[in-house]
């Protein structure tokens, strides 16, 4: 499923993570994970998906490295280690594997389910063509 499909449905599985508050920047603006990743030049949804594919420790290490690069948030360093586990806990989980394993497979499942429908449509069109060709050939 494309990102636009999720947005049209009212959100993505990553919204809880992306819209989590991190604090304020030096200008007093509220900073979320989404805005922090965007400030770093990263695509927030792609990064959230990448983090969800990692182990919990790997995701915390990668997100911690990103947040350490935010120089306009003076209070971020003082937040402590409790923030990363809380943020990573907001990423979507599957029952097996890394945090969000299986989310990419949702679009593959939908594409597999459309195959029989397309085959039926093609068969109907071929049958109609055959019937039209046969009826026009026998009349004249």
N, C-alpha and C. Protein backbone atom coordinates (compact mmCIF):
# COMPACT_ATOMS: atom_id res chain seq x y z
N UNK A 1 0.86 -1.17 0.00
CA UNK A 1 0.00 0.00 0.00
C UNK A 1 0.90 1.23 0.00
N UNK A 2 0.59 2.15 -0.86
CA UNK A 2 1.42 3.34 -0.95
C UNK A 2 1.16 4.27 0.23
N UNK A 3 2.09 5.18 0.44
CA UNK A 3 1.94 6.15 1.52
C UNK A 3 0.68 6.99 1.33
N UNK A 4 0.37 7.33 0.08
CA UNK A 4 -0.83 8.13 -0.19
C UNK A 4 -2.10 7.37 0.17
N UNK A 5 -2.10 6.03 -0.03
CA UNK A 5 -3.26 5.24 0.36
C UNK A 5 -3.49 5.33 1.86
N UNK A 6 -2.41 5.23 2.64
CA UNK A 6 -2.53 5.35 4.09
C UNK A 6 -3.04 6.73 4.47
N UNK A 7 -2.50 7.77 3.83
CA UNK A 7 -2.90 9.13 4.18
C UNK A 7 -4.36 9.38 3.84
N UNK A 8 -4.84 8.82 2.74
CA UNK A 8 -6.24 8.98 2.37
C UNK A 8 -7.16 8.27 3.35
N UNK A 9 -6.67 7.24 4.00
CA UNK A 9 -7.47 6.51 4.97
C UNK A 9 -7.40 7.16 6.35
N UNK A 10 -6.67 8.24 6.47
CA UNK A 10 -6.63 8.95 7.73
C UNK A 10 -5.38 8.73 8.56
N UNK A 11 -4.36 8.12 8.00
CA UNK A 11 -3.14 7.96 8.76
C UNK A 11 -2.30 6.80 8.28
N UNK A 12 -1.20 6.61 8.97
CA UNK A 12 -0.30 5.50 8.67
C UNK A 12 -0.07 4.74 9.96
N UNK A 13 0.47 3.53 9.88
CA UNK A 13 0.79 2.79 11.10
C UNK A 13 1.88 3.47 11.93
N UNK A 14 2.55 4.46 11.34
CA UNK A 14 3.67 5.11 12.01
C UNK A 14 3.28 6.42 12.69
N UNK A 15 2.00 6.81 12.62
CA UNK A 15 1.59 8.12 13.14
C UNK A 15 1.89 8.32 14.62
N UNK A 16 1.65 7.31 15.44
CA UNK A 16 1.93 7.44 16.87
C UNK A 16 3.39 7.78 17.12
N UNK A 17 4.27 7.14 16.36
CA UNK A 17 5.70 7.39 16.48
C UNK A 17 6.06 8.76 15.92
N UNK A 18 5.60 9.05 14.70
CA UNK A 18 6.01 10.28 14.03
C UNK A 18 5.50 11.55 14.71
N UNK A 19 4.34 11.48 15.33
CA UNK A 19 3.77 12.68 15.95
C UNK A 19 4.06 12.77 17.45
N UNK A 20 4.93 11.90 17.95
CA UNK A 20 5.33 11.97 19.35
C UNK A 20 6.16 13.23 19.58
N UNK A 21 5.87 13.92 20.67
CA UNK A 21 6.57 15.17 21.01
C UNK A 21 7.97 14.86 21.57
N UNK A 22 8.94 15.62 21.09
CA UNK A 22 10.30 15.51 21.60
C UNK A 22 10.65 16.66 22.54
N UNK A 23 9.96 17.77 22.41
CA UNK A 23 10.26 18.94 23.22
C UNK A 23 10.22 20.19 22.37
N UNK A 24 10.96 21.20 22.80
CA UNK A 24 11.01 22.47 22.08
C UNK A 24 12.41 22.74 21.57
N UNK A 25 12.46 23.43 20.43
CA UNK A 25 13.76 23.84 19.91
C UNK A 25 14.17 25.15 20.56
N UNK A 26 15.31 25.68 20.16
CA UNK A 26 15.84 26.91 20.79
C UNK A 26 14.95 28.13 20.54
N UNK A 27 14.07 28.05 19.54
CA UNK A 27 13.15 29.16 19.26
C UNK A 27 11.81 28.99 19.97
N UNK A 28 11.65 27.89 20.71
CA UNK A 28 10.41 27.64 21.43
C UNK A 28 9.35 26.90 20.64
N UNK A 29 9.72 26.40 19.47
CA UNK A 29 8.78 25.64 18.65
C UNK A 29 8.72 24.19 19.11
N UNK A 30 7.52 23.63 19.09
CA UNK A 30 7.34 22.23 19.45
C UNK A 30 7.94 21.34 18.36
N UNK A 31 8.67 20.32 18.77
CA UNK A 31 9.33 19.42 17.82
C UNK A 31 8.80 18.01 18.04
N UNK A 32 8.34 17.41 16.95
CA UNK A 32 7.92 16.01 16.97
C UNK A 32 9.00 15.17 16.29
N UNK A 33 8.85 13.86 16.37
CA UNK A 33 9.80 12.99 15.66
C UNK A 33 9.75 13.31 14.17
N UNK A 34 8.55 13.54 13.64
CA UNK A 34 8.40 13.86 12.22
C UNK A 34 9.19 15.11 11.86
N UNK A 35 9.00 16.18 12.62
CA UNK A 35 9.69 17.42 12.29
C UNK A 35 11.19 17.30 12.51
N UNK A 36 11.59 16.52 13.51
CA UNK A 36 13.02 16.33 13.76
C UNK A 36 13.68 15.61 12.59
N UNK A 37 13.04 14.55 12.12
CA UNK A 37 13.62 13.81 10.99
C UNK A 37 13.64 14.66 9.73
N UNK A 38 12.59 15.45 9.54
CA UNK A 38 12.55 16.35 8.37
C UNK A 38 13.66 17.39 8.46
N UNK A 39 13.92 17.91 9.66
CA UNK A 39 15.00 18.89 9.83
C UNK A 39 16.36 18.29 9.48
N UNK A 40 16.48 16.98 9.64
CA UNK A 40 17.74 16.31 9.32
C UNK A 40 17.83 15.91 7.85
N UNK A 41 16.80 16.26 7.09
CA UNK A 41 16.81 15.94 5.66
C UNK A 41 16.39 14.50 5.37
N UNK A 42 15.75 13.84 6.31
CA UNK A 42 15.31 12.46 6.12
C UNK A 42 13.82 12.44 5.84
N UNK A 43 13.36 11.47 5.07
CA UNK A 43 11.93 11.29 4.86
C UNK A 43 11.39 10.59 6.11
N UNK A 44 10.51 11.25 6.88
CA UNK A 44 10.06 10.67 8.15
C UNK A 44 9.40 9.31 8.01
N UNK A 45 8.57 9.11 6.98
CA UNK A 45 7.88 7.84 6.83
C UNK A 45 8.84 6.73 6.42
N UNK A 46 9.77 7.06 5.52
CA UNK A 46 10.77 6.06 5.12
C UNK A 46 11.64 5.68 6.32
N UNK A 47 12.01 6.67 7.11
CA UNK A 47 12.85 6.40 8.27
C UNK A 47 12.09 5.58 9.30
N UNK A 48 10.81 5.88 9.52
CA UNK A 48 10.01 5.12 10.47
C UNK A 48 9.89 3.66 10.01
N UNK A 49 9.70 3.48 8.71
CA UNK A 49 9.62 2.12 8.18
C UNK A 49 10.95 1.39 8.35
N UNK A 50 12.04 2.09 8.07
CA UNK A 50 13.37 1.48 8.23
C UNK A 50 13.61 1.11 9.69
N UNK A 51 13.24 1.99 10.61
CA UNK A 51 13.42 1.70 12.03
C UNK A 51 12.57 0.51 12.46
N UNK A 52 11.38 0.39 11.91
CA UNK A 52 10.51 -0.72 12.30
C UNK A 52 11.02 -2.06 11.79
N UNK A 53 11.89 -2.02 10.77
CA UNK A 53 12.47 -3.25 10.24
C UNK A 53 13.67 -3.72 11.06
N UNK A 54 14.17 -2.86 11.95
CA UNK A 54 15.34 -3.20 12.77
C UNK A 54 14.91 -3.86 14.08
N UNK A 55 15.88 -4.48 14.74
CA UNK A 55 15.62 -4.97 16.09
C UNK A 55 15.40 -3.77 17.00
N UNK A 56 14.85 -4.00 18.17
CA UNK A 56 14.59 -2.90 19.11
C UNK A 56 15.87 -2.14 19.43
N UNK A 57 16.96 -2.86 19.72
CA UNK A 57 18.23 -2.20 20.04
C UNK A 57 18.80 -1.45 18.84
N UNK A 58 18.69 -2.06 17.66
CA UNK A 58 19.17 -1.40 16.46
C UNK A 58 18.39 -0.13 16.15
N UNK A 59 17.08 -0.20 16.35
CA UNK A 59 16.24 0.98 16.11
C UNK A 59 16.57 2.09 17.11
N UNK A 60 16.80 1.72 18.37
CA UNK A 60 17.14 2.74 19.37
C UNK A 60 18.49 3.37 19.05
N UNK A 61 19.44 2.57 18.61
CA UNK A 61 20.76 3.10 18.26
C UNK A 61 20.67 4.05 17.07
N UNK A 62 19.92 3.66 16.05
CA UNK A 62 19.82 4.50 14.86
C UNK A 62 19.06 5.79 15.17
N UNK A 63 17.94 5.70 15.87
CA UNK A 63 17.19 6.90 16.21
C UNK A 63 17.99 7.81 17.13
N UNK A 64 18.69 7.22 18.08
CA UNK A 64 19.55 8.01 18.97
C UNK A 64 20.61 8.77 18.21
N UNK A 65 21.19 8.13 17.19
CA UNK A 65 22.19 8.79 16.36
C UNK A 65 21.59 9.97 15.59
N UNK A 66 20.36 9.77 15.10
CA UNK A 66 19.70 10.88 14.39
C UNK A 66 19.42 12.03 15.35
N UNK A 67 18.85 11.73 16.50
CA UNK A 67 18.47 12.79 17.43
C UNK A 67 19.70 13.53 17.97
N UNK A 68 20.82 12.84 18.06
CA UNK A 68 22.05 13.49 18.53
C UNK A 68 22.52 14.57 17.55
N UNK A 69 22.09 14.48 16.30
CA UNK A 69 22.48 15.47 15.30
C UNK A 69 21.63 16.74 15.34
N UNK A 70 20.60 16.76 16.17
CA UNK A 70 19.76 17.95 16.28
C UNK A 70 20.42 18.95 17.22
N UNK A 71 21.01 19.98 16.66
CA UNK A 71 21.75 20.95 17.47
C UNK A 71 20.88 22.09 17.96
N UNK A 72 19.68 22.24 17.40
CA UNK A 72 18.84 23.36 17.81
C UNK A 72 17.83 22.98 18.91
N UNK A 73 18.05 21.82 19.52
CA UNK A 73 17.20 21.39 20.63
C UNK A 73 18.07 21.20 21.87
N UNK A 74 18.30 22.26 22.62
CA UNK A 74 19.21 22.18 23.75
C UNK A 74 18.77 21.20 24.84
N UNK A 75 17.49 20.99 25.03
CA UNK A 75 17.01 20.11 26.09
C UNK A 75 16.97 18.65 25.71
N UNK A 76 17.21 18.32 24.46
CA UNK A 76 17.09 16.94 24.01
C UNK A 76 18.12 16.03 24.65
N UNK A 77 19.32 16.51 24.82
CA UNK A 77 20.36 15.69 25.43
C UNK A 77 20.07 15.39 26.89
N UNK A 78 19.35 16.26 27.56
CA UNK A 78 19.03 16.07 28.98
C UNK A 78 17.81 15.20 29.21
N UNK A 79 17.13 14.81 28.12
CA UNK A 79 15.91 14.01 28.28
C UNK A 79 16.23 12.65 28.88
N UNK A 80 17.34 12.09 28.49
CA UNK A 80 17.74 10.81 29.06
C UNK A 80 17.41 9.63 28.18
N UNK A 81 17.81 8.46 28.64
CA UNK A 81 17.65 7.24 27.85
C UNK A 81 16.22 6.71 27.84
N UNK A 82 15.35 7.21 28.69
CA UNK A 82 13.98 6.72 28.73
C UNK A 82 13.16 7.10 27.51
N UNK A 83 13.60 8.12 26.77
CA UNK A 83 12.85 8.58 25.61
C UNK A 83 12.94 7.58 24.46
N UNK A 84 14.11 7.07 24.17
CA UNK A 84 14.27 6.18 23.02
C UNK A 84 13.41 4.92 23.13
N UNK A 85 13.42 4.22 24.27
CA UNK A 85 12.54 3.04 24.35
C UNK A 85 11.06 3.40 24.20
N UNK A 86 10.67 4.56 24.74
CA UNK A 86 9.27 5.00 24.61
C UNK A 86 8.93 5.26 23.14
N UNK A 87 9.83 5.95 22.45
CA UNK A 87 9.59 6.25 21.03
C UNK A 87 9.57 4.99 20.19
N UNK A 88 10.54 4.11 20.39
CA UNK A 88 10.59 2.86 19.63
C UNK A 88 9.37 2.00 19.94
N UNK A 89 8.87 2.09 21.16
CA UNK A 89 7.66 1.36 21.52
C UNK A 89 6.43 1.84 20.77
N UNK A 90 6.49 3.02 20.19
CA UNK A 90 5.36 3.56 19.42
C UNK A 90 5.35 3.06 17.98
N UNK A 91 6.44 2.45 17.54
CA UNK A 91 6.47 1.90 16.17
C UNK A 91 5.55 0.69 16.09
N UNK A 92 4.94 0.45 14.93
CA UNK A 92 4.06 -0.72 14.80
C UNK A 92 4.85 -2.00 14.95
N UNK A 93 4.20 -2.97 15.55
CA UNK A 93 4.85 -4.27 15.79
C UNK A 93 4.09 -5.37 15.07
N UNK A 94 4.82 -6.41 14.74
CA UNK A 94 4.18 -7.63 14.25
C UNK A 94 4.46 -8.71 15.28
N UNK A 95 3.80 -9.82 15.14
CA UNK A 95 3.98 -10.90 16.11
C UNK A 95 5.33 -11.59 15.96
N UNK A 96 5.93 -11.49 14.78
CA UNK A 96 7.18 -12.19 14.53
C UNK A 96 8.21 -11.22 13.98
N UNK A 97 9.46 -11.45 14.31
CA UNK A 97 10.54 -10.70 13.70
C UNK A 97 10.72 -9.31 14.27
N UNK A 98 11.39 -8.43 13.49
CA UNK A 98 11.66 -7.08 13.94
C UNK A 98 10.38 -6.30 14.21
N UNK A 99 10.52 -5.10 14.67
CA UNK A 99 9.40 -4.30 15.16
C UNK A 99 8.24 -4.26 14.19
N UNK A 100 8.47 -3.97 12.94
CA UNK A 100 7.36 -3.82 11.99
C UNK A 100 7.40 -4.82 10.86
N UNK A 101 8.00 -5.98 11.07
CA UNK A 101 8.11 -6.97 9.99
C UNK A 101 6.73 -7.29 9.44
N UNK A 102 6.63 -7.36 8.15
CA UNK A 102 5.37 -7.70 7.53
C UNK A 102 4.61 -6.51 7.00
N UNK A 103 4.96 -5.29 7.37
CA UNK A 103 4.22 -4.13 6.88
C UNK A 103 4.42 -3.96 5.38
N UNK A 104 5.61 -4.24 4.89
CA UNK A 104 5.86 -4.11 3.46
C UNK A 104 5.08 -5.15 2.67
N UNK A 105 4.78 -6.29 3.30
CA UNK A 105 4.10 -7.36 2.61
C UNK A 105 2.63 -7.08 2.37
N UNK A 106 2.05 -6.07 3.02
CA UNK A 106 0.63 -5.77 2.84
C UNK A 106 0.33 -5.45 1.38
N UNK A 107 1.18 -4.68 0.71
CA UNK A 107 0.91 -4.33 -0.68
C UNK A 107 1.07 -5.56 -1.57
N UNK A 108 1.99 -6.44 -1.25
CA UNK A 108 2.16 -7.65 -2.05
C UNK A 108 0.93 -8.54 -1.96
N UNK A 109 0.34 -8.64 -0.79
CA UNK A 109 -0.85 -9.45 -0.61
C UNK A 109 -1.98 -8.90 -1.46
N UNK A 110 -2.17 -7.60 -1.45
CA UNK A 110 -3.23 -7.00 -2.25
C UNK A 110 -3.00 -7.24 -3.73
N UNK A 111 -1.75 -7.16 -4.19
CA UNK A 111 -1.47 -7.39 -5.60
C UNK A 111 -1.71 -8.84 -5.98
N UNK A 112 -1.41 -9.78 -5.09
CA UNK A 112 -1.67 -11.17 -5.37
C UNK A 112 -3.17 -11.44 -5.48
N UNK A 113 -3.97 -10.79 -4.69
CA UNK A 113 -5.40 -11.00 -4.70
C UNK A 113 -6.07 -10.46 -5.95
N UNK A 114 -5.44 -9.54 -6.64
CA UNK A 114 -6.04 -8.96 -7.84
C UNK A 114 -5.79 -9.82 -9.08
N UNK A 115 -4.85 -10.73 -9.02
CA UNK A 115 -4.52 -11.59 -10.16
C UNK A 115 -5.71 -12.36 -10.71
N UNK A 116 -6.46 -13.10 -9.88
CA UNK A 116 -7.61 -13.85 -10.41
C UNK A 116 -8.68 -12.93 -11.01
N UNK A 117 -8.84 -11.76 -10.46
CA UNK A 117 -9.83 -10.81 -11.00
C UNK A 117 -9.41 -10.35 -12.39
N UNK A 118 -8.12 -10.02 -12.53
CA UNK A 118 -7.63 -9.60 -13.84
C UNK A 118 -7.74 -10.73 -14.85
N UNK A 119 -7.46 -11.96 -14.44
CA UNK A 119 -7.57 -13.11 -15.34
C UNK A 119 -9.01 -13.29 -15.80
N UNK A 120 -9.96 -13.12 -14.91
CA UNK A 120 -11.38 -13.23 -15.26
C UNK A 120 -11.78 -12.14 -16.25
N UNK A 121 -11.33 -10.91 -16.03
CA UNK A 121 -11.65 -9.81 -16.94
C UNK A 121 -11.09 -10.08 -18.33
N UNK A 122 -9.84 -10.54 -18.39
CA UNK A 122 -9.22 -10.84 -19.69
C UNK A 122 -9.99 -11.97 -20.39
N UNK A 123 -10.39 -13.00 -19.64
CA UNK A 123 -11.13 -14.11 -20.24
C UNK A 123 -12.47 -13.64 -20.79
N UNK A 124 -13.16 -12.78 -20.07
CA UNK A 124 -14.45 -12.24 -20.54
C UNK A 124 -14.25 -11.42 -21.80
N UNK A 125 -13.22 -10.57 -21.81
CA UNK A 125 -12.95 -9.76 -23.00
C UNK A 125 -12.63 -10.63 -24.22
N UNK A 126 -11.84 -11.67 -24.03
CA UNK A 126 -11.52 -12.57 -25.13
C UNK A 126 -12.76 -13.30 -25.62
N UNK A 127 -13.62 -13.72 -24.72
CA UNK A 127 -14.85 -14.40 -25.09
C UNK A 127 -15.76 -13.46 -25.87
N UNK A 128 -15.87 -12.21 -25.42
CA UNK A 128 -16.69 -11.23 -26.13
C UNK A 128 -16.14 -10.98 -27.53
N UNK A 129 -14.83 -10.87 -27.63
CA UNK A 129 -14.21 -10.65 -28.94
C UNK A 129 -14.48 -11.82 -29.87
N UNK A 130 -14.35 -13.02 -29.33
CA UNK A 130 -14.59 -14.22 -30.14
C UNK A 130 -16.04 -14.26 -30.60
N UNK A 131 -16.98 -13.97 -29.68
CA UNK A 131 -18.39 -14.00 -30.05
C UNK A 131 -18.72 -12.93 -31.09
N UNK A 132 -18.16 -11.73 -30.94
CA UNK A 132 -18.41 -10.67 -31.92
C UNK A 132 -17.82 -11.01 -33.28
N UNK A 133 -16.65 -11.57 -33.30
CA UNK A 133 -16.01 -11.96 -34.55
C UNK A 133 -16.80 -13.08 -35.23
N UNK A 134 -17.24 -14.05 -34.45
CA UNK A 134 -18.01 -15.18 -34.99
C UNK A 134 -19.36 -14.74 -35.52
N UNK A 135 -20.05 -13.85 -34.77
CA UNK A 135 -21.38 -13.42 -35.22
C UNK A 135 -21.30 -12.52 -36.46
N UNK A 136 -20.28 -11.70 -36.57
CA UNK A 136 -20.16 -10.84 -37.75
C UNK A 136 -19.69 -11.63 -38.96
N UNK A 137 -18.97 -12.70 -38.77
CA UNK A 137 -18.49 -13.52 -39.89
C UNK A 137 -19.55 -14.44 -40.44
N UNK A 138 -20.50 -14.89 -39.61
CA UNK A 138 -21.51 -15.84 -40.08
C UNK A 138 -22.70 -15.16 -40.73
N UNK A 139 -22.83 -13.84 -40.57
CA UNK A 139 -23.99 -13.13 -41.10
C UNK A 139 -23.80 -12.66 -42.52
N UNK A 140 -22.69 -12.74 -43.11
CA UNK A 140 -22.50 -12.03 -44.31
C UNK A 140 -21.97 -12.66 -45.46
